[in-house]
Amino acid sequence: MSEQQSDHQAANNNKKASLLFASAILVILAVVVAYVMTKQGESIASSEPVPVPDVIPTKPLESQVALVEPTTTIPEGSASVELPEPEQTVSTPRLEPEQPTKPALPSLDNSDATVIQAIENKVSSSAVKLLANDDLIRRTVVFIDNLAKGDIAKKHSPVQQPKEKFTAIEGDIVTIDPNSFERYTPYVELVTRFSGAQLVRMYNEFQPLFVEAYQEIGYEGDQFEGTLESAIQELIDTPIPKSPLPLIKESVTYKYVSTEWEQLSDAQKLFLRMGPENMEKLKVTLRAVQKELKHQ
């Protein structure tokens, strides 16, 4: 091959390489323009096509790459496009949600209406009529204090006494009349309509008043919750009879024939008078309350 032919071929190769490089530059420019149009939603100022430069760039690759930098000026004859300013992040201070304020509790002397209303919101008004209508929290505290000791403070009961009288079936063996258990069913239904969590929430809502009433009878206020747990345990520990229990009539009262049952506390023997079915239902609620108190 002659020297003239070699020079001609080399020139052709350089021209091809330069054309490929120029094409790559145009592709890069097209990507930049498309990006700007997408971000700003603006049309290019000139609708004329971008002409291919007559002079093939001969600068090194490094200097051509600079064309894609944000400050690069697009060659003459191309559409003028401004690159978008970088978005600035504006930090918004985080606002903590306002905690709802609890309504102020009434005084202990004026608490009956508020406590009864809180109960009535969960049960029927007819069920609320089973409650005592005065000094409800004071009565409850005294009754629970006695219950924890196994005693019954009848004069301080927080509920009305059943209207029906206790009855027994008298025959060869005297036993409690099953109809007598029904006297306590409305009271059991009143309690078991609440979940353990609801009862504990209600207790927590009025806890300062319970503490105040407990202090009035000579105790440290923070000891009341322990007394409440003892009263609950006293009832839970009461065995449930699997068959009717024989009784002995003494004057106007009845006693259990079996020492096992007669030696139970007065509180537990009152619980027995509610009957096995009512006892089961109440024990479920009492265990739920007991669990909630231990986990709070």
C-alpha atoms as a PDB file:
ATOM      1  CA  MET A   1       0.000   0.000   0.000  1.00  0.00           C
ATOM      2  CA  SER A   2       1.385   3.455  -0.985  1.00  0.00           C
ATOM      3  CA  GLU A   3       1.986   6.184   1.575  1.00  0.00           C
ATOM      4  CA  GLN A   4      -0.768   8.268  -0.054  1.00  0.00           C
ATOM      5  CA  GLN A   5      -3.287   5.430   0.340  1.00  0.00           C
ATOM      6  CA  SER A   6      -2.284   4.931   3.999  1.00  0.00           C
ATOM      7  CA  ASP A   7      -2.821   8.601   4.760  1.00  0.00           C
ATOM      8  CA  HIS A   8      -6.219   8.530   3.009  1.00  0.00           C
ATOM      9  CA  GLN A   9      -7.362   5.447   5.027  1.00  0.00           C
ATOM     10  CA  ALA A  10      -6.187   6.975   8.284  1.00  0.00           C
ATOM     11  CA  ALA A  11      -8.115  10.132   7.513  1.00  0.00           C
ATOM     12  CA  ASN A  12     -11.255   8.063   6.852  1.00  0.00           C
ATOM     13  CA  ASN A  13     -10.846   6.190  10.152  1.00  0.00           C
ATOM     14  CA  ASN A  14     -10.387   9.444  12.063  1.00  0.00           C
ATOM     15  CA  LYS A  15     -13.473  10.878  10.353  1.00  0.00           C
ATOM     16  CA  LYS A  16     -15.584   7.834  11.330  1.00  0.00           C
ATOM     17  CA  ALA A  17     -14.400   8.006  14.928  1.00  0.00           C
ATOM     18  CA  SER A  18     -15.131  11.717  15.058  1.00  0.00           C
ATOM     19  CA  LEU A  19     -18.632  11.194  13.628  1.00  0.00           C
ATOM     20  CA  LEU A  20     -19.361   8.505  16.256  1.00  0.00           C
ATOM     21  CA  PHE A  21     -18.144  10.810  18.992  1.00  0.00           C
ATOM     22  CA  ALA A  22     -20.257  13.689  17.676  1.00  0.00           C
ATOM     23  CA  SER A  23     -23.327  11.408  17.626  1.00  0.00           C
ATOM     24  CA  ALA A  24     -22.705  10.460  21.262  1.00  0.00           C
ATOM     25  CA  ILE A  25     -22.530  14.160  22.194  1.00  0.00           C
ATOM     26  CA  LEU A  26     -25.882  14.778  20.490  1.00  0.00           C
ATOM     27  CA  VAL A  27     -27.494  11.879  22.366  1.00  0.00           C
ATOM     28  CA  ILE A  28     -26.249  13.309  25.673  1.00  0.00           C
ATOM     29  CA  LEU A  29     -27.657  16.731  24.775  1.00  0.00           C
ATOM     30  CA  ALA A  30     -31.010  15.154  23.867  1.00  0.00           C
ATOM     31  CA  VAL A  31     -31.185  13.396  27.277  1.00  0.00           C
ATOM     32  CA  VAL A  32     -30.438  16.663  29.100  1.00  0.00           C
ATOM     33  CA  VAL A  33     -33.148  18.524  27.142  1.00  0.00           C
ATOM     34  CA  ALA A  34     -35.704  15.758  27.811  1.00  0.00           C
ATOM     35  CA  TYR A  35     -34.886  15.827  31.522  1.00  0.00           C
ATOM     36  CA  VAL A  36     -35.376  19.597  31.752  1.00  0.00           C
ATOM     37  CA  MET A  37     -38.648  19.462  29.843  1.00  0.00           C
ATOM     38  CA  THR A  38     -39.964  16.772  32.168  1.00  0.00           C
ATOM     39  CA  LYS A  39     -39.043  18.716  35.305  1.00  0.00           C
ATOM     40  CA  GLN A  40     -40.203  22.163  34.232  1.00  0.00           C
ATOM     41  CA  GLY A  41     -43.021  21.287  31.816  1.00  0.00           C
ATOM     42  CA  GLU A  42     -41.784  23.969  29.411  1.00  0.00           C
ATOM     43  CA  SER A  43     -41.362  23.839  25.657  1.00  0.00           C
ATOM     44  CA  ILE A  44     -38.008  24.389  24.031  1.00  0.00           C
ATOM     45  CA  ALA A  45     -37.679  28.010  22.850  1.00  0.00           C
ATOM     46  CA  SER A  46     -36.938  27.072  19.254  1.00  0.00           C
ATOM     47  CA  SER A  47     -38.722  24.340  17.339  1.00  0.00           C
ATOM     48  CA  GLU A  48     -35.965  24.092  14.770  1.00  0.00           C
ATOM     49  CA  PRO A  49     -33.909  20.896  14.792  1.00  0.00           C
ATOM     50  CA  VAL A  50     -30.473  21.021  16.313  1.00  0.00           C
ATOM     51  CA  PRO A  51     -27.991  21.182  13.387  1.00  0.00           C
ATOM     52  CA  VAL A  52     -24.992  18.916  13.282  1.00  0.00           C
ATOM     53  CA  PRO A  53     -21.834  21.068  13.593  1.00  0.00           C
ATOM     54  CA  ASP A  54     -19.906  21.401  10.328  1.00  0.00           C
ATOM     55  CA  VAL A  55     -16.650  21.175  12.158  1.00  0.00           C
ATOM     56  CA  ILE A  56     -16.008  17.810  13.765  1.00  0.00           C
ATOM     57  CA  PRO A  57     -14.737  18.294  17.338  1.00  0.00           C
ATOM     58  CA  THR A  58     -11.227  17.125  17.799  1.00  0.00           C
ATOM     59  CA  LYS A  59     -10.908  17.826  21.564  1.00  0.00           C
ATOM     60  CA  PRO A  60     -10.073  14.967  23.911  1.00  0.00           C
ATOM     61  CA  LEU A  61     -12.909  12.934  25.482  1.00  0.00           C
ATOM     62  CA  GLU A  62     -12.440  14.518  28.919  1.00  0.00           C
ATOM     63  CA  SER A  63     -13.223  18.020  27.621  1.00  0.00           C
ATOM     64  CA  GLN A  64     -16.340  16.802  25.834  1.00  0.00           C
ATOM     65  CA  VAL A  65     -17.740  15.123  28.919  1.00  0.00           C
ATOM     66  CA  ALA A  66     -17.879  18.551  30.513  1.00  0.00           C
ATOM     67  CA  LEU A  67     -20.801  19.340  28.188  1.00  0.00           C
ATOM     68  CA  VAL A  68     -23.185  17.470  30.508  1.00  0.00           C
ATOM     69  CA  GLU A  69     -22.249  19.509  33.592  1.00  0.00           C
ATOM     70  CA  PRO A  70     -25.031  21.826  34.848  1.00  0.00           C
ATOM     71  CA  THR A  71     -23.000  24.972  34.003  1.00  0.00           C
ATOM     72  CA  THR A  72     -22.186  23.885  30.455  1.00  0.00           C
ATOM     73  CA  THR A  73     -23.345  26.169  27.609  1.00  0.00           C
ATOM     74  CA  ILE A  74     -25.017  24.255  24.785  1.00  0.00           C
ATOM     75  CA  PRO A  75     -23.226  24.804  21.435  1.00  0.00           C
ATOM     76  CA  GLU A  76     -24.467  27.543  19.134  1.00  0.00           C
ATOM     77  CA  GLY A  77     -27.412  26.553  16.979  1.00  0.00           C
ATOM     78  CA  SER A  78     -28.948  24.430  19.803  1.00  0.00           C
ATOM     79  CA  ALA A  79     -32.003  25.391  21.782  1.00  0.00           C
ATOM     80  CA  SER A  80     -31.267  27.421  24.913  1.00  0.00           C
ATOM     81  CA  VAL A  81     -32.338  25.463  27.983  1.00  0.00           C
ATOM     82  CA  GLU A  82     -31.842  26.407  31.627  1.00  0.00           C
ATOM     83  CA  LEU A  83     -31.163  23.577  34.016  1.00  0.00           C
ATOM     84  CA  PRO A  84     -33.469  23.444  37.060  1.00  0.00           C
ATOM     85  CA  GLU A  85     -32.329  24.774  40.368  1.00  0.00           C
ATOM     86  CA  PRO A  86     -31.852  22.027  42.965  1.00  0.00           C
ATOM     87  CA  GLU A  87     -34.908  21.609  45.131  1.00  0.00           C
ATOM     88  CA  GLN A  88     -34.555  22.860  48.687  1.00  0.00           C
ATOM     89  CA  THR A  89     -36.042  20.825  51.508  1.00  0.00           C
ATOM     90  CA  VAL A  90     -38.007  22.864  53.990  1.00  0.00           C
ATOM     91  CA  SER A  91     -38.136  21.219  57.384  1.00  0.00           C
ATOM     92  CA  THR A  92     -41.464  21.500  59.191  1.00  0.00           C
ATOM     93  CA  PRO A  93     -41.341  21.380  62.991  1.00  0.00           C
ATOM     94  CA  ARG A  94     -43.077  18.298  64.366  1.00  0.00           C
ATOM     95  CA  LEU A  95     -46.073  19.120  66.518  1.00  0.00           C
ATOM     96  CA  GLU A  96     -46.820  16.777  69.379  1.00  0.00           C
ATOM     97  CA  PRO A  97     -50.525  15.855  69.618  1.00  0.00           C
ATOM     98  CA  GLU A  98     -52.275  17.492  72.496  1.00  0.00           C
ATOM     99  CA  GLN A  99     -53.162  15.123  75.295  1.00  0.00           C
ATOM    100  CA  PRO A 100     -56.859  15.211  76.169  1.00  0.00           C
ATOM    101  CA  THR A 101     -57.413  16.706  79.585  1.00  0.00           C
ATOM    102  CA  LYS A 102     -59.325  14.582  82.046  1.00  0.00           C
ATOM    103  CA  PRO A 103     -62.421  16.185  83.525  1.00  0.00           C
ATOM    104  CA  ALA A 104     -62.006  17.177  87.128  1.00  0.00           C
ATOM    105  CA  LEU A 105     -63.419  14.686  89.610  1.00  0.00           C
ATOM    106  CA  PRO A 106     -66.227  15.797  91.878  1.00  0.00           C
ATOM    107  CA  SER A 107     -65.719  15.834  95.608  1.00  0.00           C
ATOM    108  CA  LEU A 108     -66.331  12.577  97.463  1.00  0.00           C
ATOM    109  CA  ASP A 109     -69.521  14.025  98.967  1.00  0.00           C
ATOM    110  CA  ASN A 110     -70.876  14.883  95.501  1.00  0.00           C
ATOM    111  CA  SER A 111     -69.597  11.873  93.542  1.00  0.00           C
ATOM    112  CA  ASP A 112     -72.733   9.703  93.409  1.00  0.00           C
ATOM    113  CA  ALA A 113     -74.272  11.236  90.275  1.00  0.00           C
ATOM    114  CA  THR A 114     -70.979  11.069  88.335  1.00  0.00           C
ATOM    115  CA  VAL A 115     -70.256   7.454  89.310  1.00  0.00           C
ATOM    116  CA  ILE A 116     -73.790   6.287  88.559  1.00  0.00           C
ATOM    117  CA  GLN A 117     -73.726   8.065  85.187  1.00  0.00           C
ATOM    118  CA  ALA A 118     -70.445   6.330  84.301  1.00  0.00           C
ATOM    119  CA  ILE A 119     -72.059   2.959  85.066  1.00  0.00           C
ATOM    120  CA  GLU A 120     -75.313   3.813  83.309  1.00  0.00           C
ATOM    121  CA  ASN A 121     -73.364   4.616  80.113  1.00  0.00           C
ATOM    122  CA  LYS A 122     -72.460   0.913  79.948  1.00  0.00           C
ATOM    123  CA  VAL A 123     -75.615  -0.754  81.231  1.00  0.00           C
ATOM    124  CA  SER A 124     -79.334  -0.106  81.290  1.00  0.00           C
ATOM    125  CA  SER A 125     -80.943   2.365  83.665  1.00  0.00           C
ATOM    126  CA  SER A 126     -82.985  -0.480  85.164  1.00  0.00           C
ATOM    127  CA  ALA A 127     -79.774  -2.266  86.159  1.00  0.00           C
ATOM    128  CA  VAL A 128     -78.453   0.906  87.785  1.00  0.00           C
ATOM    129  CA  LYS A 129     -81.481   0.862  90.092  1.00  0.00           C
ATOM    130  CA  LEU A 130     -79.845  -2.107  91.828  1.00  0.00           C
ATOM    131  CA  LEU A 131     -77.178   0.234  93.209  1.00  0.00           C
ATOM    132  CA  ALA A 132     -77.382   2.123  96.473  1.00  0.00           C
ATOM    133  CA  ASN A 133     -78.419   5.713  95.896  1.00  0.00           C
ATOM    134  CA  ASP A 134     -76.143   7.421  98.405  1.00  0.00           C
ATOM    135  CA  ASP A 135     -72.443   7.371  99.344  1.00  0.00           C
ATOM    136  CA  LEU A 136     -71.755   4.771  96.672  1.00  0.00           C
ATOM    137  CA  ILE A 137     -67.947   4.983  96.831  1.00  0.00           C
ATOM    138  CA  ARG A 138     -67.823   5.068 100.635  1.00  0.00           C
ATOM    139  CA  ARG A 139     -70.148   2.044 100.800  1.00  0.00           C
ATOM    140  CA  THR A 140     -68.052   0.167  98.258  1.00  0.00           C
ATOM    141  CA  VAL A 141     -64.820   0.827 100.147  1.00  0.00           C
ATOM    142  CA  VAL A 142     -66.248  -0.320 103.505  1.00  0.00           C
ATOM    143  CA  PHE A 143     -67.879  -3.380 101.922  1.00  0.00           C
ATOM    144  CA  ILE A 144     -64.648  -4.392 100.141  1.00  0.00           C
ATOM    145  CA  ASP A 145     -62.614  -3.877 103.322  1.00  0.00           C
ATOM    146  CA  ASN A 146     -64.917  -6.273 105.184  1.00  0.00           C
ATOM    147  CA  LEU A 147     -65.054  -8.699 102.265  1.00  0.00           C
ATOM    148  CA  ALA A 148     -61.250  -8.971 102.260  1.00  0.00           C
ATOM    149  CA  LYS A 149     -61.533 -10.157 105.889  1.00  0.00           C
ATOM    150  CA  GLY A 150     -64.270 -12.638 105.041  1.00  0.00           C
ATOM    151  CA  ASP A 151     -67.013 -10.520 106.605  1.00  0.00           C
ATOM    152  CA  ILE A 152     -70.216  -8.990 105.193  1.00  0.00           C
ATOM    153  CA  ALA A 153     -71.026  -5.356 106.005  1.00  0.00           C
ATOM    154  CA  LYS A 154     -74.754  -5.490 105.219  1.00  0.00           C
ATOM    155  CA  LYS A 155     -75.408  -1.924 106.356  1.00  0.00           C
ATOM    156  CA  HIS A 156     -72.759  -0.648 103.941  1.00  0.00           C
ATOM    157  CA  SER A 157     -73.716  -2.705 100.910  1.00  0.00           C
ATOM    158  CA  PRO A 158     -73.214  -0.747  97.642  1.00  0.00           C
ATOM    159  CA  VAL A 159     -76.257  -2.517  96.153  1.00  0.00           C
ATOM    160  CA  GLN A 160     -79.899  -2.768  97.162  1.00  0.00           C
ATOM    161  CA  GLN A 161     -80.868  -5.918  99.021  1.00  0.00           C
ATOM    162  CA  PRO A 162     -82.797  -8.534  96.975  1.00  0.00           C
ATOM    163  CA  LYS A 163     -86.545  -8.123  97.398  1.00  0.00           C
ATOM    164  CA  GLU A 164     -87.185 -11.866  97.350  1.00  0.00           C
ATOM    165  CA  LYS A 165     -86.491 -13.823 100.525  1.00  0.00           C
ATOM    166  CA  PHE A 166     -84.179 -16.807 100.888  1.00  0.00           C
ATOM    167  CA  THR A 167     -86.066 -20.109 100.571  1.00  0.00           C
ATOM    168  CA  ALA A 168     -85.166 -23.715 101.163  1.00  0.00           C
ATOM    169  CA  ILE A 169     -86.722 -27.019 100.132  1.00  0.00           C
ATOM    170  CA  GLU A 170     -87.576 -28.923 103.290  1.00  0.00           C
ATOM    171  CA  GLY A 171     -87.957 -32.694 103.174  1.00  0.00           C
ATOM    172  CA  ASP A 172     -85.883 -35.618 104.295  1.00  0.00           C
ATOM    173  CA  ILE A 173     -82.919 -33.442 103.333  1.00  0.00           C
ATOM    174  CA  VAL A 174     -83.105 -29.649 103.496  1.00  0.00           C
ATOM    175  CA  THR A 175     -81.418 -27.873 100.615  1.00  0.00           C
ATOM    176  CA  ILE A 176     -81.424 -24.395  99.106  1.00  0.00           C
ATOM    177  CA  ASP A 177     -84.273 -23.825  96.702  1.00  0.00           C
ATOM    178  CA  PRO A 178     -82.749 -23.287  93.215  1.00  0.00           C
ATOM    179  CA  ASN A 179     -85.243 -20.439  92.692  1.00  0.00           C
ATOM    180  CA  SER A 180     -83.463 -18.673  95.541  1.00  0.00           C
ATOM    181  CA  PHE A 181     -80.325 -18.441  93.361  1.00  0.00           C
ATOM    182  CA  GLU A 182     -82.264 -16.311  90.886  1.00  0.00           C
ATOM    183  CA  ARG A 183     -82.444 -13.485  93.426  1.00  0.00           C
ATOM    184  CA  TYR A 184     -78.821 -12.702  92.624  1.00  0.00           C
ATOM    185  CA  THR A 185     -78.929 -13.115  88.846  1.00  0.00           C
ATOM    186  CA  PRO A 186     -79.622  -9.393  88.105  1.00  0.00           C
ATOM    187  CA  TYR A 187     -76.610  -8.417  90.240  1.00  0.00           C
ATOM    188  CA  VAL A 188     -74.395 -10.923  88.473  1.00  0.00           C
ATOM    189  CA  GLU A 189     -75.569  -9.650  85.103  1.00  0.00           C
ATOM    190  CA  LEU A 190     -74.818  -6.068  86.179  1.00  0.00           C
ATOM    191  CA  VAL A 191     -71.194  -6.973  86.925  1.00  0.00           C
ATOM    192  CA  THR A 192     -70.578  -9.392  84.066  1.00  0.00           C
ATOM    193  CA  ARG A 193     -71.731  -6.887  81.437  1.00  0.00           C
ATOM    194  CA  PHE A 194     -68.360  -5.228  81.996  1.00  0.00           C
ATOM    195  CA  SER A 195     -65.069  -6.718  80.887  1.00  0.00           C
ATOM    196  CA  GLY A 196     -62.231  -6.898  83.382  1.00  0.00           C
ATOM    197  CA  ALA A 197     -60.483  -4.060  81.531  1.00  0.00           C
ATOM    198  CA  GLN A 198     -63.592  -1.842  81.682  1.00  0.00           C
ATOM    199  CA  LEU A 199     -64.007  -2.369  85.413  1.00  0.00           C
ATOM    200  CA  VAL A 200     -60.360  -1.559  86.099  1.00  0.00           C
ATOM    201  CA  ARG A 201     -60.508   1.545  83.881  1.00  0.00           C
ATOM    202  CA  MET A 202     -63.535   2.724  85.847  1.00  0.00           C
ATOM    203  CA  TYR A 203     -61.708   2.034  89.091  1.00  0.00           C
ATOM    204  CA  ASN A 204     -58.659   3.980  87.860  1.00  0.00           C
ATOM    205  CA  GLU A 205     -60.875   6.880  86.800  1.00  0.00           C
ATOM    206  CA  PHE A 206     -62.237   7.294  90.329  1.00  0.00           C
ATOM    207  CA  GLN A 207     -59.200   5.966  92.210  1.00  0.00           C
ATOM    208  CA  PRO A 208     -58.489   9.235  94.085  1.00  0.00           C
ATOM    209  CA  LEU A 209     -61.991   9.081  95.567  1.00  0.00           C
ATOM    210  CA  PHE A 210     -61.546   5.433  96.613  1.00  0.00           C
ATOM    211  CA  VAL A 211     -58.244   6.371  98.250  1.00  0.00           C
ATOM    212  CA  GLU A 212     -59.878   9.281 100.092  1.00  0.00           C
ATOM    213  CA  ALA A 213     -62.726   7.082 101.335  1.00  0.00           C
ATOM    214  CA  TYR A 214     -60.234   4.433 102.464  1.00  0.00           C
ATOM    215  CA  GLN A 215     -58.301   7.040 104.434  1.00  0.00           C
ATOM    216  CA  GLU A 216     -61.515   8.136 106.127  1.00  0.00           C
ATOM    217  CA  ILE A 217     -61.847   4.705 107.781  1.00  0.00           C
ATOM    218  CA  GLY A 218     -58.313   4.871 109.147  1.00  0.00           C
ATOM    219  CA  TYR A 219     -56.053   3.281 106.523  1.00  0.00           C
ATOM    220  CA  GLU A 220     -53.221   4.462 104.331  1.00  0.00           C
ATOM    221  CA  GLY A 221     -54.805   5.343 100.990  1.00  0.00           C
ATOM    222  CA  ASP A 222     -52.255   3.484  98.871  1.00  0.00           C
ATOM    223  CA  GLN A 223     -53.194   0.219 100.598  1.00  0.00           C
ATOM    224  CA  PHE A 224     -56.700   0.080  99.144  1.00  0.00           C
ATOM    225  CA  GLU A 225     -55.687  -1.713  95.948  1.00  0.00           C
ATOM    226  CA  GLY A 226     -54.155  -4.521  98.022  1.00  0.00           C
ATOM    227  CA  THR A 227     -57.401  -4.758  99.984  1.00  0.00           C
ATOM    228  CA  LEU A 228     -59.362  -4.932  96.737  1.00  0.00           C
ATOM    229  CA  GLU A 229     -57.175  -7.789  95.483  1.00  0.00           C
ATOM    230  CA  SER A 230     -57.655  -9.659  98.783  1.00  0.00           C
ATOM    231  CA  ALA A 231     -61.439  -9.321  98.515  1.00  0.00           C
ATOM    232  CA  ILE A 232     -61.374 -10.662  94.944  1.00  0.00           C
ATOM    233  CA  GLN A 233     -59.212 -13.607  96.016  1.00  0.00           C
ATOM    234  CA  GLU A 234     -61.567 -14.382  98.908  1.00  0.00           C
ATOM    235  CA  LEU A 235     -64.402 -15.000  96.445  1.00  0.00           C
ATOM    236  CA  ILE A 236     -62.273 -16.812  93.860  1.00  0.00           C
ATOM    237  CA  ASP A 237     -61.149 -19.255  96.581  1.00  0.00           C
ATOM    238  CA  THR A 238     -64.746 -20.206  97.340  1.00  0.00           C
ATOM    239  CA  PRO A 239     -65.348 -23.784  96.116  1.00  0.00           C
ATOM    240  CA  ILE A 240     -68.308 -24.356  93.812  1.00  0.00           C
ATOM    241  CA  PRO A 241     -70.550 -27.238  94.952  1.00  0.00           C
ATOM    242  CA  LYS A 242     -71.255 -29.951  92.396  1.00  0.00           C
ATOM    243  CA  SER A 243     -74.518 -31.007  94.034  1.00  0.00           C
ATOM    244  CA  PRO A 244     -77.103 -29.483  96.414  1.00  0.00           C
ATOM    245  CA  LEU A 245     -75.690 -28.945  99.917  1.00  0.00           C
ATOM    246  CA  PRO A 246     -77.699 -30.308 102.899  1.00  0.00           C
ATOM    247  CA  LEU A 247     -78.762 -27.707 105.463  1.00  0.00           C
ATOM    248  CA  ILE A 248     -79.812 -27.706 109.116  1.00  0.00           C
ATOM    249  CA  LYS A 249     -82.430 -25.242 110.288  1.00  0.00           C
ATOM    250  CA  GLU A 250     -81.612 -23.445 113.514  1.00  0.00           C
ATOM    251  CA  SER A 251     -84.358 -21.119 114.699  1.00  0.00           C
ATOM    252  CA  VAL A 252     -84.799 -18.714 111.783  1.00  0.00           C
ATOM    253  CA  THR A 253     -81.462 -19.426 110.112  1.00  0.00           C
ATOM    254  CA  TYR A 254     -79.884 -22.304 108.230  1.00  0.00           C
ATOM    255  CA  LYS A 255     -76.459 -23.876 108.522  1.00  0.00           C
ATOM    256  CA  TYR A 256     -74.583 -26.307 106.333  1.00  0.00           C
ATOM    257  CA  VAL A 257     -74.506 -29.866 107.605  1.00  0.00           C
ATOM    258  CA  SER A 258     -70.958 -30.429 106.387  1.00  0.00           C
ATOM    259  CA  THR A 259     -68.201 -28.773 108.419  1.00  0.00           C
ATOM    260  CA  GLU A 260     -66.262 -28.287 105.172  1.00  0.00           C
ATOM    261  CA  TRP A 261     -68.859 -25.794 103.970  1.00  0.00           C
ATOM    262  CA  GLU A 262     -69.928 -24.326 107.302  1.00  0.00           C
ATOM    263  CA  GLN A 263     -66.352 -23.328 108.182  1.00  0.00           C
ATOM    264  CA  LEU A 264     -66.134 -21.053 105.140  1.00  0.00           C
ATOM    265  CA  SER A 265     -66.147 -17.329 105.847  1.00  0.00           C
ATOM    266  CA  ASP A 266     -69.406 -15.372 105.878  1.00  0.00           C
ATOM    267  CA  ALA A 267     -68.375 -13.733 102.601  1.00  0.00           C
ATOM    268  CA  GLN A 268     -67.832 -17.109 100.961  1.00  0.00           C
ATOM    269  CA  LYS A 269     -71.109 -18.531 102.309  1.00  0.00           C
ATOM    270  CA  LEU A 270     -72.958 -15.544 100.865  1.00  0.00           C
ATOM    271  CA  PHE A 271     -71.244 -16.295  97.568  1.00  0.00           C
ATOM    272  CA  LEU A 272     -72.536 -19.898  97.787  1.00  0.00           C
ATOM    273  CA  ARG A 273     -76.105 -18.571  98.053  1.00  0.00           C
ATOM    274  CA  MET A 274     -75.791 -17.192  94.518  1.00  0.00           C
ATOM    275  CA  GLY A 275     -75.741 -20.711  93.121  1.00  0.00           C
ATOM    276  CA  PRO A 276     -73.141 -22.570  91.034  1.00  0.00           C
ATOM    277  CA  GLU A 277     -74.029 -20.943  87.705  1.00  0.00           C
ATOM    278  CA  ASN A 278     -73.839 -17.391  89.026  1.00  0.00           C
ATOM    279  CA  MET A 279     -70.621 -18.207  90.878  1.00  0.00           C
ATOM    280  CA  GLU A 280     -68.988 -19.450  87.677  1.00  0.00           C
ATOM    281  CA  LYS A 281     -69.917 -16.289  85.789  1.00  0.00           C
ATOM    282  CA  LEU A 282     -68.682 -13.991  88.530  1.00  0.00           C
ATOM    283  CA  LYS A 283     -65.407 -15.874  88.908  1.00  0.00           C
ATOM    284  CA  VAL A 284     -64.642 -15.327  85.223  1.00  0.00           C
ATOM    285  CA  THR A 285     -65.042 -11.562  85.644  1.00  0.00           C
ATOM    286  CA  LEU A 286     -63.174 -11.517  88.962  1.00  0.00           C
ATOM    287  CA  ARG A 287     -60.185 -13.337  87.443  1.00  0.00           C
ATOM    288  CA  ALA A 288     -60.173 -10.881  84.555  1.00  0.00           C
ATOM    289  CA  VAL A 289     -60.148  -7.933  86.981  1.00  0.00           C
ATOM    290  CA  GLN A 290     -57.413  -9.604  89.013  1.00  0.00           C
ATOM    291  CA  LYS A 291     -55.282 -10.016  85.899  1.00  0.00           C
ATOM    292  CA  GLU A 292     -55.791  -6.390  84.816  1.00  0.00           C
ATOM    293  CA  LEU A 293     -54.822  -5.088  88.271  1.00  0.00           C
ATOM    294  CA  LYS A 294     -51.591  -7.077  88.227  1.00  0.00           C
ATOM    295  CA  HIS A 295     -50.584  -5.779  84.794  1.00  0.00           C
ATOM    296  CA  GLN A 296     -51.283  -2.088  85.279  1.00  0.00           C
END
